[in-house]
PDB file of N, CA and C in Angstrom:
ATOM      1  N   MET A   1      82.203  88.952 116.974  1.00  0.00           N
ATOM      2  CA  MET A   1      81.130  89.041 117.938  1.00  0.00           C
ATOM      3  C   MET A   1      80.443  87.689 118.014  1.00  0.00           C
ATOM      4  N   LEU A   2      80.164  87.278 119.222  1.00  0.00           N
ATOM      5  CA  LEU A   2      79.370  86.088 119.480  1.00  0.00           C
ATOM      6  C   LEU A   2      78.011  86.578 119.951  1.00  0.00           C
ATOM      7  N   LEU A   3      76.966  86.262 119.200  1.00  0.00           N
ATOM      8  CA  LEU A   3      75.625  86.733 119.527  1.00  0.00           C
ATOM      9  C   LEU A   3      74.742  85.552 119.892  1.00  0.00           C
ATOM     10  N   GLU A   4      74.213  85.581 121.101  1.00  0.00           N
ATOM     11  CA  GLU A   4      73.279  84.560 121.584  1.00  0.00           C
ATOM     12  C   GLU A   4      71.909  85.210 121.694  1.00  0.00           C
ATOM     13  N   LEU A   5      70.920  84.627 121.028  1.00  0.00           N
ATOM     14  CA  LEU A   5      69.543  85.119 121.120  1.00  0.00           C
ATOM     15  C   LEU A   5      68.836  84.318 122.199  1.00  0.00           C
ATOM     16  N   GLN A   6      68.200  85.022 123.123  1.00  0.00           N
ATOM     17  CA  GLN A   6      67.621  84.352 124.273  1.00  0.00           C
ATOM     18  C   GLN A   6      66.232  84.917 124.548  1.00  0.00           C
ATOM     19  N   SER A   7      65.235  84.044 124.654  1.00  0.00           N
ATOM     20  CA  SER A   7      63.873  84.496 124.938  1.00  0.00           C
ATOM     21  C   SER A   7      63.461  84.203 126.383  1.00  0.00           C
ATOM     22  N   ARG A   8      64.277  83.416 127.090  1.00  0.00           N
ATOM     23  CA  ARG A   8      64.025  83.121 128.499  1.00  0.00           C
ATOM     24  C   ARG A   8      65.294  83.385 129.302  1.00  0.00           C
ATOM     25  N   PRO A   9      65.156  83.810 130.547  1.00  0.00           N
ATOM     26  CA  PRO A   9      66.349  84.027 131.369  1.00  0.00           C
ATOM     27  C   PRO A   9      67.135  82.728 131.545  1.00  0.00           C
ATOM     28  N   CYS A  10      68.429  82.851 131.623  1.00  0.00           N
ATOM     29  CA  CYS A  10      69.308  81.708 131.852  1.00  0.00           C
ATOM     30  C   CYS A  10      70.325  82.115 132.909  1.00  0.00           C
ATOM     31  N   TYR A  11      70.186  81.556 134.096  1.00  0.00           N
ATOM     32  CA  TYR A  11      71.038  81.949 135.215  1.00  0.00           C
ATOM     33  C   TYR A  11      72.520  81.673 134.943  1.00  0.00           C
ATOM     34  N   HIS A  12      72.814  80.600 134.239  1.00  0.00           N
ATOM     35  CA  HIS A  12      74.207  80.201 133.974  1.00  0.00           C
ATOM     36  C   HIS A  12      74.711  80.654 132.601  1.00  0.00           C
ATOM     37  N   MET A  13      74.167  81.734 132.062  1.00  0.00           N
ATOM     38  CA  MET A  13      74.557  82.200 130.732  1.00  0.00           C
ATOM     39  C   MET A  13      76.039  82.543 130.653  1.00  0.00           C
ATOM     40  N   ALA A  14      76.617  83.097 131.707  1.00  0.00           N
ATOM     41  CA  ALA A  14      78.051  83.426 131.680  1.00  0.00           C
ATOM     42  C   ALA A  14      78.871  82.168 131.423  1.00  0.00           C
ATOM     43  N   LEU A  15      78.500  81.078 132.039  1.00  0.00           N
ATOM     44  CA  LEU A  15      79.203  79.808 131.830  1.00  0.00           C
ATOM     45  C   LEU A  15      79.000  79.308 130.403  1.00  0.00           C
ATOM     46  N   ARG A  16      77.788  79.409 129.892  1.00  0.00           N
ATOM     47  CA  ARG A  16      77.512  78.966 128.523  1.00  0.00           C
ATOM     48  C   ARG A  16      78.303  79.783 127.504  1.00  0.00           C
ATOM     49  N   MET A  17      78.314  81.114 127.678  1.00  0.00           N
ATOM     50  CA  MET A  17      79.030  81.973 126.731  1.00  0.00           C
ATOM     51  C   MET A  17      80.534  81.706 126.781  1.00  0.00           C
ATOM     52  N   LEU A  18      81.070  81.529 127.978  1.00  0.00           N
ATOM     53  CA  LEU A  18      82.492  81.209 128.109  1.00  0.00           C
ATOM     54  C   LEU A  18      82.807  79.884 127.421  1.00  0.00           C
ATOM     55  N   ASN A  19      81.931  78.910 127.576  1.00  0.00           N
ATOM     56  CA  ASN A  19      82.124  77.615 126.918  1.00  0.00           C
ATOM     57  C   ASN A  19      82.137  77.766 125.391  1.00  0.00           C
ATOM     58  N   TYR A  20      81.217  78.551 124.847  1.00  0.00           N
ATOM     59  CA  TYR A  20      81.201  78.770 123.393  1.00  0.00           C
ATOM     60  C   TYR A  20      82.543  79.336 122.923  1.00  0.00           C
ATOM     61  N   ILE A  21      83.064  80.309 123.662  1.00  0.00           N
ATOM     62  CA  ILE A  21      84.309  80.957 123.252  1.00  0.00           C
ATOM     63  C   ILE A  21      85.489  79.998 123.376  1.00  0.00           C
ATOM     64  N   VAL A  22      85.538  79.236 124.460  1.00  0.00           N
ATOM     65  CA  VAL A  22      86.621  78.263 124.633  1.00  0.00           C
ATOM     66  C   VAL A  22      86.567  77.223 123.513  1.00  0.00           C
ATOM     67  N   GLN A  23      85.377  76.737 123.184  1.00  0.00           N
ATOM     68  CA  GLN A  23      85.247  75.753 122.098  1.00  0.00           C
ATOM     69  C   GLN A  23      85.688  76.338 120.759  1.00  0.00           C
ATOM     70  N   PHE A  24      85.361  77.588 120.511  1.00  0.00           N
ATOM     71  CA  PHE A  24      85.786  78.274 119.291  1.00  0.00           C
ATOM     72  C   PHE A  24      87.309  78.359 119.230  1.00  0.00           C
ATOM     73  N   TYR A  25      87.924  78.780 120.339  1.00  0.00           N
ATOM     74  CA  TYR A  25      89.380  78.899 120.389  1.00  0.00           C
ATOM     75  C   TYR A  25      90.058  77.530 120.229  1.00  0.00           C
ATOM     76  N   LEU A  26      89.516  76.504 120.864  1.00  0.00           N
ATOM     77  CA  LEU A  26      90.086  75.170 120.709  1.00  0.00           C
ATOM     78  C   LEU A  26      90.015  74.698 119.268  1.00  0.00           C
ATOM     79  N   CYS A  27      88.897  74.944 118.625  1.00  0.00           N
ATOM     80  CA  CYS A  27      88.741  74.563 117.216  1.00  0.00           C
ATOM     81  C   CYS A  27      89.765  75.284 116.345  1.00  0.00           C
ATOM     82  N   LEU A  28      89.944  76.575 116.589  1.00  0.00           N
ATOM     83  CA  LEU A  28      90.944  77.329 115.825  1.00  0.00           C
ATOM     84  C   LEU A  28      92.343  76.779 116.059  1.00  0.00           C
ATOM     85  N   ALA A  29      92.675  76.536 117.310  1.00  0.00           N
ATOM     86  CA  ALA A  29      94.018  76.085 117.659  1.00  0.00           C
ATOM     87  C   ALA A  29      94.314  74.691 117.127  1.00  0.00           C
ATOM     88  N   GLU A  30      93.330  73.822 117.153  1.00  0.00           N
ATOM     89  CA  GLU A  30      93.545  72.437 116.740  1.00  0.00           C
ATOM     90  C   GLU A  30      93.478  72.237 115.232  1.00  0.00           C
ATOM     91  N   ASN A  31      92.786  73.116 114.521  1.00  0.00           N
ATOM     92  CA  ASN A  31      92.572  72.912 113.087  1.00  0.00           C
ATOM     93  C   ASN A  31      93.295  73.901 112.193  1.00  0.00           C
ATOM     94  N   ASN A  32      94.079  74.771 112.780  1.00  0.00           N
ATOM     95  CA  ASN A  32      94.766  75.787 112.003  1.00  0.00           C
ATOM     96  C   ASN A  32      96.269  75.650 112.200  1.00  0.00           C
ATOM     97  N   PRO A  33      97.002  75.255 111.156  1.00  0.00           N
ATOM     98  CA  PRO A  33      98.445  75.083 111.312  1.00  0.00           C
ATOM     99  C   PRO A  33      99.175  76.386 111.645  1.00  0.00           C
ATOM    100  N   MET A  34      98.565  77.527 111.375  1.00  0.00           N
ATOM    101  CA  MET A  34      99.197  78.812 111.660  1.00  0.00           C
ATOM    102  C   MET A  34      98.807  79.366 113.031  1.00  0.00           C
ATOM    103  N   ALA A  35      98.110  78.577 113.837  1.00  0.00           N
ATOM    104  CA  ALA A  35      97.576  79.065 115.113  1.00  0.00           C
ATOM    105  C   ALA A  35      98.663  79.584 116.047  1.00  0.00           C
ATOM    106  N   LYS A  36      99.855  78.977 116.002  1.00  0.00           N
ATOM    107  CA  LYS A  36     100.923  79.417 116.899  1.00  0.00           C
ATOM    108  C   LYS A  36     101.542  80.734 116.451  1.00  0.00           C
ATOM    109  N   ALA A  37     101.374  81.078 115.202  1.00  0.00           N
ATOM    110  CA  ALA A  37     101.999  82.284 114.664  1.00  0.00           C
ATOM    111  C   ALA A  37     101.188  83.542 114.935  1.00  0.00           C
ATOM    112  N   PHE A  38      99.931  83.384 115.233  1.00  0.00           N
ATOM    113  CA  PHE A  38      99.059  84.549 115.431  1.00  0.00           C
ATOM    114  C   PHE A  38      98.288  84.415 116.744  1.00  0.00           C
ATOM    115  N   PRO A  39      98.010  85.548 117.396  1.00  0.00           N
ATOM    116  CA  PRO A  39      97.173  85.467 118.608  1.00  0.00           C
ATOM    117  C   PRO A  39      95.738  85.132 118.229  1.00  0.00           C
ATOM    118  N   LEU A  40      95.019  84.606 119.174  1.00  0.00           N
ATOM    119  CA  LEU A  40      93.608  84.296 118.942  1.00  0.00           C
ATOM    120  C   LEU A  40      92.824  85.591 118.761  1.00  0.00           C
ATOM    121  N   PRO A  41      91.789  85.573 117.941  1.00  0.00           N
ATOM    122  CA  PRO A  41      91.001  86.798 117.723  1.00  0.00           C
ATOM    123  C   PRO A  41      90.151  87.137 118.942  1.00  0.00           C
ATOM    124  N   GLU A  42      89.896  88.407 119.094  1.00  0.00           N
ATOM    125  CA  GLU A  42      89.009  88.854 120.168  1.00  0.00           C
ATOM    126  C   GLU A  42      87.576  88.435 119.843  1.00  0.00           C
ATOM    127  N   VAL A  43      86.862  88.002 120.855  1.00  0.00           N
ATOM    128  CA  VAL A  43      85.448  87.660 120.716  1.00  0.00           C
ATOM    129  C   VAL A  43      84.677  88.521 121.708  1.00  0.00           C
ATOM    130  N   ILE A  44      83.691  89.235 121.213  1.00  0.00           N
ATOM    131  CA  ILE A  44      82.846  90.070 122.071  1.00  0.00           C
ATOM    132  C   ILE A  44      81.541  89.310 122.295  1.00  0.00           C
ATOM    133  N   PRO A  45      81.322  88.817 123.518  1.00  0.00           N
ATOM    134  CA  PRO A  45      80.114  88.030 123.787  1.00  0.00           C
ATOM    135  C   PRO A  45      78.913  88.925 124.108  1.00  0.00           C
ATOM    136  N   VAL A  46      77.837  88.736 123.341  1.00  0.00           N
ATOM    137  CA  VAL A  46      76.626  89.549 123.507  1.00  0.00           C
ATOM    138  C   VAL A  46      75.418  88.627 123.583  1.00  0.00           C
ATOM    139  N   VAL A  47      74.554  88.889 124.545  1.00  0.00           N
ATOM    140  CA  VAL A  47      73.275  88.184 124.650  1.00  0.00           C
ATOM    141  C   VAL A  47      72.173  89.183 124.344  1.00  0.00           C
ATOM    142  N   LEU A  48      71.351  88.868 123.346  1.00  0.00           N
ATOM    143  CA  LEU A  48      70.183  89.687 123.019  1.00  0.00           C
ATOM    144  C   LEU A  48      68.979  88.996 123.636  1.00  0.00           C
ATOM    145  N   TYR A  49      68.463  89.604 124.701  1.00  0.00           N
ATOM    146  CA  TYR A  49      67.357  89.009 125.445  1.00  0.00           C
ATOM    147  C   TYR A  49      66.047  89.671 125.049  1.00  0.00           C
ATOM    148  N   THR A  50      65.101  88.855 124.579  1.00  0.00           N
ATOM    149  CA  THR A  50      63.819  89.381 124.099  1.00  0.00           C
ATOM    150  C   THR A  50      62.640  88.962 124.979  1.00  0.00           C
ATOM    151  N   GLY A  51      62.919  88.357 126.110  1.00  0.00           N
ATOM    152  CA  GLY A  51      61.857  87.872 126.978  1.00  0.00           C
ATOM    153  C   GLY A  51      61.196  88.973 127.801  1.00  0.00           C
ATOM    154  N   ARG A  52      60.104  88.612 128.429  1.00  0.00           N
ATOM    155  CA  ARG A  52      59.351  89.580 129.235  1.00  0.00           C
ATOM    156  C   ARG A  52      59.751  89.548 130.712  1.00  0.00           C
ATOM    157  N   ARG A  53      60.221  88.374 131.178  1.00  0.00           N
ATOM    158  CA  ARG A  53      60.634  88.277 132.585  1.00  0.00           C
ATOM    159  C   ARG A  53      61.980  88.961 132.789  1.00  0.00           C
ATOM    160  N   LYS A  54      62.221  89.393 134.008  1.00  0.00           N
ATOM    161  CA  LYS A  54      63.480  90.055 134.328  1.00  0.00           C
ATOM    162  C   LYS A  54      64.648  89.061 134.188  1.00  0.00           C
ATOM    163  N   TRP A  55      65.748  89.530 133.602  1.00  0.00           N
ATOM    164  CA  TRP A  55      66.940  88.688 133.462  1.00  0.00           C
ATOM    165  C   TRP A  55      67.496  88.417 134.844  1.00  0.00           C
ATOM    166  N   ASN A  56      67.781  87.147 135.157  1.00  0.00           N
ATOM    167  CA  ASN A  56      68.193  86.799 136.511  1.00  0.00           C
ATOM    168  C   ASN A  56      69.621  86.271 136.622  1.00  0.00           C
ATOM    169  N   GLY A  57      70.334  86.203 135.528  1.00  0.00           N
ATOM    170  CA  GLY A  57      71.674  85.634 135.565  1.00  0.00           C
ATOM    171  C   GLY A  57      72.744  86.687 135.740  1.00  0.00           C
ATOM    172  N   PRO A  58      73.804  86.353 136.479  1.00  0.00           N
ATOM    173  CA  PRO A  58      74.911  87.291 136.612  1.00  0.00           C
ATOM    174  C   PRO A  58      75.638  87.467 135.287  1.00  0.00           C
ATOM    175  N   LEU A  59      76.167  88.649 135.060  1.00  0.00           N
ATOM    176  CA  LEU A  59      76.898  88.932 133.825  1.00  0.00           C
ATOM    177  C   LEU A  59      78.332  88.447 133.896  1.00  0.00           C
ATOM    178  N   ASN A  60      78.883  88.322 135.094  1.00  0.00           N
ATOM    179  CA  ASN A  60      80.271  87.904 135.259  1.00  0.00           C
ATOM    180  C   ASN A  60      80.310  86.503 135.853  1.00  0.00           C
ATOM    181  N   ILE A  61      81.150  85.661 135.280  1.00  0.00           N
ATOM    182  CA  ILE A  61      81.220  84.275 135.734  1.00  0.00           C
ATOM    183  C   ILE A  61      81.721  84.166 137.169  1.00  0.00           C
ATOM    184  N   SER A  62      82.485  85.143 137.633  1.00  0.00           N
ATOM    185  CA  SER A  62      82.987  85.076 139.013  1.00  0.00           C
ATOM    186  C   SER A  62      81.844  85.101 140.020  1.00  0.00           C
ATOM    187  N   ASP A  63      80.685  85.622 139.615  1.00  0.00           N
ATOM    188  CA  ASP A  63      79.521  85.633 140.499  1.00  0.00           C
ATOM    189  C   ASP A  63      78.868  84.257 140.618  1.00  0.00           C
ATOM    190  N   LEU A  64      79.304  83.317 139.805  1.00  0.00           N
ATOM    191  CA  LEU A  64      78.797  81.942 139.883  1.00  0.00           C
ATOM    192  C   LEU A  64      79.709  81.047 140.707  1.00  0.00           C
ATOM    193  N   ILE A  65      80.880  81.539 141.076  1.00  0.00           N
ATOM    194  CA  ILE A  65      81.874  80.732 141.773  1.00  0.00           C
ATOM    195  C   ILE A  65      81.771  80.967 143.273  1.00  0.00           C
ATOM    196  N   ALA A  66      81.701  79.883 144.033  1.00  0.00           N
ATOM    197  CA  ALA A  66      81.648  79.976 145.494  1.00  0.00           C
ATOM    198  C   ALA A  66      83.082  80.013 146.028  1.00  0.00           C
ATOM    199  N   PHE A  67      83.428  81.110 146.647  1.00  0.00           N
ATOM    200  CA  PHE A  67      84.753  81.244 147.241  1.00  0.00           C
ATOM    201  C   PHE A  67      84.707  80.783 148.693  1.00  0.00           C
ATOM    202  N   ARG A  68      85.820  80.278 149.181  1.00  0.00           N
ATOM    203  CA  ARG A  68      85.895  79.864 150.583  1.00  0.00           C
ATOM    204  C   ARG A  68      85.608  81.059 151.483  1.00  0.00           C
ATOM    205  N   SER A  69      84.932  80.816 152.570  1.00  0.00           N
ATOM    206  CA  SER A  69      84.587  81.911 153.485  1.00  0.00           C
ATOM    207  C   SER A  69      85.821  82.500 154.155  1.00  0.00           C
ATOM    208  N   ASP A  70      86.913  81.727 154.258  1.00  0.00           N
ATOM    209  CA  ASP A  70      88.130  82.231 154.892  1.00  0.00           C
ATOM    210  C   ASP A  70      89.114  82.827 153.877  1.00  0.00           C
ATOM    211  N   ALA A  71      88.699  82.921 152.628  1.00  0.00           N
ATOM    212  CA  ALA A  71      89.586  83.455 151.590  1.00  0.00           C
ATOM    213  C   ALA A  71      89.744  84.968 151.744  1.00  0.00           C
ATOM    214  N   ASP A  72      90.861  85.458 151.296  1.00  0.00           N
ATOM    215  CA  ASP A  72      91.133  86.898 151.331  1.00  0.00           C
ATOM    216  C   ASP A  72      90.121  87.605 150.428  1.00  0.00           C
ATOM    217  N   PRO A  73      89.342  88.553 150.957  1.00  0.00           N
ATOM    218  CA  PRO A  73      88.325  89.225 150.134  1.00  0.00           C
ATOM    219  C   PRO A  73      88.924  90.035 148.981  1.00  0.00           C
ATOM    220  N   LYS A  74      90.213  90.344 149.050  1.00  0.00           N
ATOM    221  CA  LYS A  74      90.868  91.103 147.978  1.00  0.00           C
ATOM    222  C   LYS A  74      91.351  90.187 146.851  1.00  0.00           C
ATOM    223  N   ARG A  75      91.268  88.882 147.090  1.00  0.00           N
ATOM    224  CA  ARG A  75      91.736  87.927 146.088  1.00  0.00           C
ATOM    225  C   ARG A  75      90.897  88.008 144.822  1.00  0.00           C
ATOM    226  N   GLN A  76      91.558  87.979 143.706  1.00  0.00           N
ATOM    227  CA  GLN A  76      90.868  88.030 142.414  1.00  0.00           C
ATOM    228  C   GLN A  76      90.236  86.676 142.094  1.00  0.00           C
ATOM    229  N   ALA A  77      89.154  86.715 141.354  1.00  0.00           N
ATOM    230  CA  ALA A  77      88.537  85.476 140.881  1.00  0.00           C
ATOM    231  C   ALA A  77      89.491  84.793 139.906  1.00  0.00           C
ATOM    232  N   PRO A  78      89.497  83.461 139.875  1.00  0.00           N
ATOM    233  CA  PRO A  78      90.398  82.766 138.956  1.00  0.00           C
ATOM    234  C   PRO A  78      90.061  83.020 137.484  1.00  0.00           C
ATOM    235  N   ILE A  79      88.822  83.366 137.219  1.00  0.00           N
ATOM    236  CA  ILE A  79      88.384  83.677 135.854  1.00  0.00           C
ATOM    237  C   ILE A  79      87.619  84.990 135.903  1.00  0.00           C
ATOM    238  N   ASP A  80      87.982  85.894 135.025  1.00  0.00           N
ATOM    239  CA  ASP A  80      87.253  87.161 134.940  1.00  0.00           C
ATOM    240  C   ASP A  80      86.678  87.240 133.533  1.00  0.00           C
ATOM    241  N   PHE A  81      85.423  86.884 133.410  1.00  0.00           N
ATOM    242  CA  PHE A  81      84.760  86.855 132.110  1.00  0.00           C
ATOM    243  C   PHE A  81      83.374  87.454 132.265  1.00  0.00           C
ATOM    244  N   GLU A  82      83.028  88.355 131.370  1.00  0.00           N
ATOM    245  CA  GLU A  82      81.729  89.021 131.431  1.00  0.00           C
ATOM    246  C   GLU A  82      81.166  89.152 130.021  1.00  0.00           C
ATOM    247  N   TYR A  83      79.875  89.007 129.905  1.00  0.00           N
ATOM    248  CA  TYR A  83      79.219  89.192 128.615  1.00  0.00           C
ATOM    249  C   TYR A  83      78.357  90.455 128.668  1.00  0.00           C
ATOM    250  N   ILE A  84      77.980  90.929 127.493  1.00  0.00           N
ATOM    251  CA  ILE A  84      77.126  92.109 127.369  1.00  0.00           C
ATOM    252  C   ILE A  84      75.687  91.638 127.214  1.00  0.00           C
ATOM    253  N   LEU A  85      74.792  92.196 128.008  1.00  0.00           N
ATOM    254  CA  LEU A  85      73.371  91.857 127.915  1.00  0.00           C
ATOM    255  C   LEU A  85      72.623  93.025 127.291  1.00  0.00           C
ATOM    256  N   LEU A  86      71.960  92.757 126.164  1.00  0.00           N
ATOM    257  CA  LEU A  86      71.087  93.746 125.531  1.00  0.00           C
ATOM    258  C   LEU A  86      69.653  93.301 125.786  1.00  0.00           C
ATOM    259  N   ASN A  87      68.937  94.080 126.566  1.00  0.00           N
ATOM    260  CA  ASN A  87      67.576  93.744 126.936  1.00  0.00           C
ATOM    261  C   ASN A  87      66.620  94.433 125.965  1.00  0.00           C
ATOM    262  N   ALA A  88      65.978  93.646 125.111  1.00  0.00           N
ATOM    263  CA  ALA A  88      65.085  94.193 124.087  1.00  0.00           C
ATOM    264  C   ALA A  88      63.808  93.362 124.042  1.00  0.00           C
ATOM    265  N   PRO A  89      62.939  93.504 125.061  1.00  0.00           N
ATOM    266  CA  PRO A  89      61.726  92.688 125.075  1.00  0.00           C
ATOM    267  C   PRO A  89      60.847  92.964 123.862  1.00  0.00           C
ATOM    268  N   LEU A  90      60.305  91.901 123.325  1.00  0.00           N
ATOM    269  CA  LEU A  90      59.410  92.026 122.174  1.00  0.00           C
ATOM    270  C   LEU A  90      58.040  92.506 122.633  1.00  0.00           C
ATOM    271  N   ALA A  91      57.440  93.372 121.855  1.00  0.00           N
ATOM    272  CA  ALA A  91      56.083  93.836 122.149  1.00  0.00           C
ATOM    273  C   ALA A  91      55.108  92.714 121.806  1.00  0.00           C
ATOM    274  N   PRO A  92      54.000  92.617 122.536  1.00  0.00           N
ATOM    275  CA  PRO A  92      53.012  91.588 122.202  1.00  0.00           C
ATOM    276  C   PRO A  92      52.443  91.815 120.805  1.00  0.00           C
ATOM    277  N   MET A  93      52.116  90.747 120.141  1.00  0.00           N
ATOM    278  CA  MET A  93      51.549  90.847 118.796  1.00  0.00           C
ATOM    279  C   MET A  93      50.203  91.549 118.873  1.00  0.00           C
ATOM    280  N   ASP A  94      49.983  92.519 118.025  1.00  0.00           N
ATOM    281  CA  ASP A  94      48.719  93.237 117.953  1.00  0.00           C
ATOM    282  C   ASP A  94      47.822  92.481 116.968  1.00  0.00           C
ATOM    283  N   SER A  95      46.629  92.171 117.400  1.00  0.00           N
ATOM    284  CA  SER A  95      45.724  91.388 116.533  1.00  0.00           C
ATOM    285  C   SER A  95      45.300  92.184 115.291  1.00  0.00           C
ATOM    286  N   ASN A  96      45.499  93.510 115.301  1.00  0.00           N
ATOM    287  CA  ASN A  96      45.132  94.330 114.148  1.00  0.00           C
ATOM    288  C   ASN A  96      46.247  94.407 113.105  1.00  0.00           C
ATOM    289  N   VAL A  97      47.412  93.888 113.452  1.00  0.00           N
ATOM    290  CA  VAL A  97      48.541  93.946 112.531  1.00  0.00           C
ATOM    291  C   VAL A  97      48.549  92.697 111.673  1.00  0.00           C
ATOM    292  N   ASP A  98      48.761  92.878 110.382  1.00  0.00           N
ATOM    293  CA  ASP A  98      48.829  91.720 109.486  1.00  0.00           C
ATOM    294  C   ASP A  98      49.991  90.832 109.889  1.00  0.00           C
ATOM    295  N   LYS A  99      49.736  89.537 109.906  1.00  0.00           N
ATOM    296  CA  LYS A  99      50.794  88.563 110.219  1.00  0.00           C
ATOM    297  C   LYS A  99      51.462  88.166 108.914  1.00  0.00           C
ATOM    298  N   TYR A 100      52.757  87.924 108.987  1.00  0.00           N
ATOM    299  CA  TYR A 100      53.522  87.547 107.784  1.00  0.00           C
ATOM    300  C   TYR A 100      53.401  86.088 107.504  1.00  0.00           C
TER     301      TYR A 100
END
């Protein structure tokens, strides 16, 4: 699992998460002599968002790609990558609660 903690919305998060995974895979492939013998491990990308503003970024990277207006609408995106967004806004600090 790849876990990104985020307190502010990030419109391009799909691109950032994909980059993290590609960099991880490249590191494995380049630094592991057994990389050709085994498939790359599955990575589950998760963003834990704790901010108060509404999340504004698309979950799928294909929503960030501008397709030609004359392209076949049935055509698949060249990349199909999506992350999981867990929206868990933090409650405001209560002044009556002891601070750690």
